[in-house]
Amino acid sequence: TIRNDAAEADAILRVRCPIANFSEKHTVDRGEGAPAMREVKSIPVPANKTVELKRDGFHVMLLQTRQKLVNGETFTCAVVFQKAGTKETEVQVSRMP
């Protein structure tokens, strides 16, 4: 969950995590036919709003993980915003429901 208390919109440009070789930002496109995941350049974070990253909307995928992810485990990632700069955040691994 990302909360933007600023009067200006922002955007997630990049996410760096030590346990993955790289990450991609995605959204789920619900155009014609079945929903399809597609990569996006950034994830918008509107001014004075909260955005929840989730698998059926905007989300970040960690690719080529360097270790097995264990349910309940935590690690720190750096989230790079267009205006707010880099913010460290703790991530907790959880099984998909």
C-alpha atoms as a PDB file:
ATOM      1  CA  THR A   1       0.000   0.000   0.000  1.00  0.00           C
ATOM      2  CA  ILE A   2       1.404   3.392  -1.019  1.00  0.00           C
ATOM      3  CA  ARG A   3       0.135   6.578   0.557  1.00  0.00           C
ATOM      4  CA  ASN A   4       0.817   9.924  -1.114  1.00  0.00           C
ATOM      5  CA  ASP A   5       0.081  12.823   1.247  1.00  0.00           C
ATOM      6  CA  ALA A   6       1.580  15.346  -1.187  1.00  0.00           C
ATOM      7  CA  ALA A   7      -0.472  17.836  -3.187  1.00  0.00           C
ATOM      8  CA  GLU A   8       1.155  16.526  -6.394  1.00  0.00           C
ATOM      9  CA  ALA A   9       0.796  13.151  -8.086  1.00  0.00           C
ATOM     10  CA  ASP A  10       3.834  10.880  -8.088  1.00  0.00           C
ATOM     11  CA  ALA A  11       4.771   7.573  -9.720  1.00  0.00           C
ATOM     12  CA  ILE A  12       6.794   4.449  -8.942  1.00  0.00           C
ATOM     13  CA  LEU A  13       9.607   4.283 -11.476  1.00  0.00           C
ATOM     14  CA  ARG A  14      11.669   1.347 -10.213  1.00  0.00           C
ATOM     15  CA  VAL A  15      11.888  -1.236  -7.425  1.00  0.00           C
ATOM     16  CA  ARG A  16      15.200  -2.777  -6.368  1.00  0.00           C
ATOM     17  CA  CYS A  17      15.287  -5.800  -4.065  1.00  0.00           C
ATOM     18  CA  PRO A  18      18.419  -7.716  -3.014  1.00  0.00           C
ATOM     19  CA  ILE A  19      16.703 -11.085  -3.470  1.00  0.00           C
ATOM     20  CA  ALA A  20      15.836 -10.591  -7.172  1.00  0.00           C
ATOM     21  CA  ASN A  21      17.945  -9.883 -10.236  1.00  0.00           C
ATOM     22  CA  PHE A  22      15.317  -7.460 -11.522  1.00  0.00           C
ATOM     23  CA  SER A  23      11.713  -6.372 -11.183  1.00  0.00           C
ATOM     24  CA  GLU A  24       8.943  -5.320 -13.544  1.00  0.00           C
ATOM     25  CA  LYS A  25       5.938  -3.081 -12.995  1.00  0.00           C
ATOM     26  CA  HIS A  26       2.684  -4.507 -14.346  1.00  0.00           C
ATOM     27  CA  THR A  27      -1.020  -3.857 -14.558  1.00  0.00           C
ATOM     28  CA  VAL A  28      -3.895  -6.090 -15.551  1.00  0.00           C
ATOM     29  CA  ASP A  29      -5.614  -5.001 -18.753  1.00  0.00           C
ATOM     30  CA  ARG A  30      -9.300  -5.855 -18.801  1.00  0.00           C
ATOM     31  CA  GLY A  31      -9.953  -5.003 -22.430  1.00  0.00           C
ATOM     32  CA  GLU A  32     -11.643  -7.440 -24.757  1.00  0.00           C
ATOM     33  CA  GLY A  33     -11.544 -11.096 -23.759  1.00  0.00           C
ATOM     34  CA  ALA A  34      -9.723 -12.455 -20.730  1.00  0.00           C
ATOM     35  CA  PRO A  35      -7.723 -10.139 -18.446  1.00  0.00           C
ATOM     36  CA  ALA A  36      -4.079  -9.887 -19.517  1.00  0.00           C
ATOM     37  CA  MET A  37      -1.038  -8.716 -17.582  1.00  0.00           C
ATOM     38  CA  ARG A  38       1.135  -6.086 -19.272  1.00  0.00           C
ATOM     39  CA  GLU A  39       4.289  -4.248 -18.283  1.00  0.00           C
ATOM     40  CA  VAL A  40       4.055  -0.498 -17.594  1.00  0.00           C
ATOM     41  CA  LYS A  41       6.768   2.185 -17.399  1.00  0.00           C
ATOM     42  CA  SER A  42       5.506   3.502 -14.068  1.00  0.00           C
ATOM     43  CA  ILE A  43       2.758   3.042 -11.504  1.00  0.00           C
ATOM     44  CA  PRO A  44       0.791   6.246 -10.884  1.00  0.00           C
ATOM     45  CA  VAL A  45       0.245   7.425  -7.309  1.00  0.00           C
ATOM     46  CA  PRO A  46      -2.361  10.236  -7.301  1.00  0.00           C
ATOM     47  CA  ALA A  47      -2.024  13.252  -5.005  1.00  0.00           C
ATOM     48  CA  ASN A  48      -3.559  12.819  -1.550  1.00  0.00           C
ATOM     49  CA  LYS A  49      -4.514   9.201  -2.295  1.00  0.00           C
ATOM     50  CA  THR A  50      -3.591   5.677  -1.280  1.00  0.00           C
ATOM     51  CA  VAL A  51      -2.823   3.028  -3.901  1.00  0.00           C
ATOM     52  CA  GLU A  52      -2.877  -0.687  -3.133  1.00  0.00           C
ATOM     53  CA  LEU A  53      -0.650  -2.931  -5.229  1.00  0.00           C
ATOM     54  CA  LYS A  54      -2.383  -6.248  -5.909  1.00  0.00           C
ATOM     55  CA  ARG A  55      -2.170  -9.102  -8.362  1.00  0.00           C
ATOM     56  CA  ASP A  56      -5.287  -8.119 -10.336  1.00  0.00           C
ATOM     57  CA  GLY A  57      -4.250  -4.456 -10.683  1.00  0.00           C
ATOM     58  CA  PHE A  58      -0.980  -2.572 -10.508  1.00  0.00           C
ATOM     59  CA  HIS A  59       1.796  -4.697  -9.016  1.00  0.00           C
ATOM     60  CA  VAL A  60       5.549  -5.300  -9.022  1.00  0.00           C
ATOM     61  CA  MET A  61       6.951  -8.679 -10.022  1.00  0.00           C
ATOM     62  CA  LEU A  62      10.318  -9.807  -8.660  1.00  0.00           C
ATOM     63  CA  LEU A  63      12.038 -11.886 -11.325  1.00  0.00           C
ATOM     64  CA  GLN A  64      14.943 -14.292 -11.191  1.00  0.00           C
ATOM     65  CA  THR A  65      14.907 -14.528  -7.413  1.00  0.00           C
ATOM     66  CA  ARG A  66      18.276 -15.426  -5.920  1.00  0.00           C
ATOM     67  CA  GLN A  67      16.816 -17.566  -3.150  1.00  0.00           C
ATOM     68  CA  LYS A  68      13.643 -19.435  -2.347  1.00  0.00           C
ATOM     69  CA  LEU A  69      10.978 -17.183  -0.886  1.00  0.00           C
ATOM     70  CA  VAL A  70       9.665 -18.480   2.435  1.00  0.00           C
ATOM     71  CA  ASN A  71       6.187 -17.621   3.739  1.00  0.00           C
ATOM     72  CA  GLY A  72       6.474 -15.022   6.534  1.00  0.00           C
ATOM     73  CA  GLU A  73      10.036 -14.002   5.621  1.00  0.00           C
ATOM     74  CA  THR A  74      10.786 -10.263   5.292  1.00  0.00           C
ATOM     75  CA  PHE A  75      13.340  -8.298   3.291  1.00  0.00           C
ATOM     76  CA  THR A  76      13.916  -4.660   2.345  1.00  0.00           C
ATOM     77  CA  CYS A  77      13.411  -3.162  -1.107  1.00  0.00           C
ATOM     78  CA  ALA A  78      14.168   0.308  -2.444  1.00  0.00           C
ATOM     79  CA  VAL A  79      11.202   1.928  -4.200  1.00  0.00           C
ATOM     80  CA  VAL A  80      12.160   4.781  -6.526  1.00  0.00           C
ATOM     81  CA  PHE A  81       9.511   7.467  -6.979  1.00  0.00           C
ATOM     82  CA  GLN A  82       9.522  10.144  -9.656  1.00  0.00           C
ATOM     83  CA  LYS A  83       9.199  13.016  -7.147  1.00  0.00           C
ATOM     84  CA  ALA A  84       9.662  11.562  -3.649  1.00  0.00           C
ATOM     85  CA  GLY A  85      12.989   9.898  -4.481  1.00  0.00           C
ATOM     86  CA  THR A  86      14.051   6.529  -3.091  1.00  0.00           C
ATOM     87  CA  LYS A  87      12.219   5.061  -0.101  1.00  0.00           C
ATOM     88  CA  GLU A  88      13.225   1.860   1.679  1.00  0.00           C
ATOM     89  CA  THR A  89      10.322  -0.454   2.506  1.00  0.00           C
ATOM     90  CA  GLU A  90       9.992  -3.810   4.205  1.00  0.00           C
ATOM     91  CA  VAL A  91       8.293  -6.573   2.220  1.00  0.00           C
ATOM     92  CA  GLN A  92       6.773  -9.696   3.747  1.00  0.00           C
ATOM     93  CA  VAL A  93       6.417 -12.890   1.749  1.00  0.00           C
ATOM     94  CA  SER A  94       2.916 -14.371   1.854  1.00  0.00           C
ATOM     95  CA  ARG A  95       1.247 -17.157  -0.037  1.00  0.00           C
ATOM     96  CA  MET A  96      -1.358 -16.114  -2.567  1.00  0.00           C
ATOM     97  CA  PRO A  97      -4.861 -16.784  -1.237  1.00  0.00           C
END
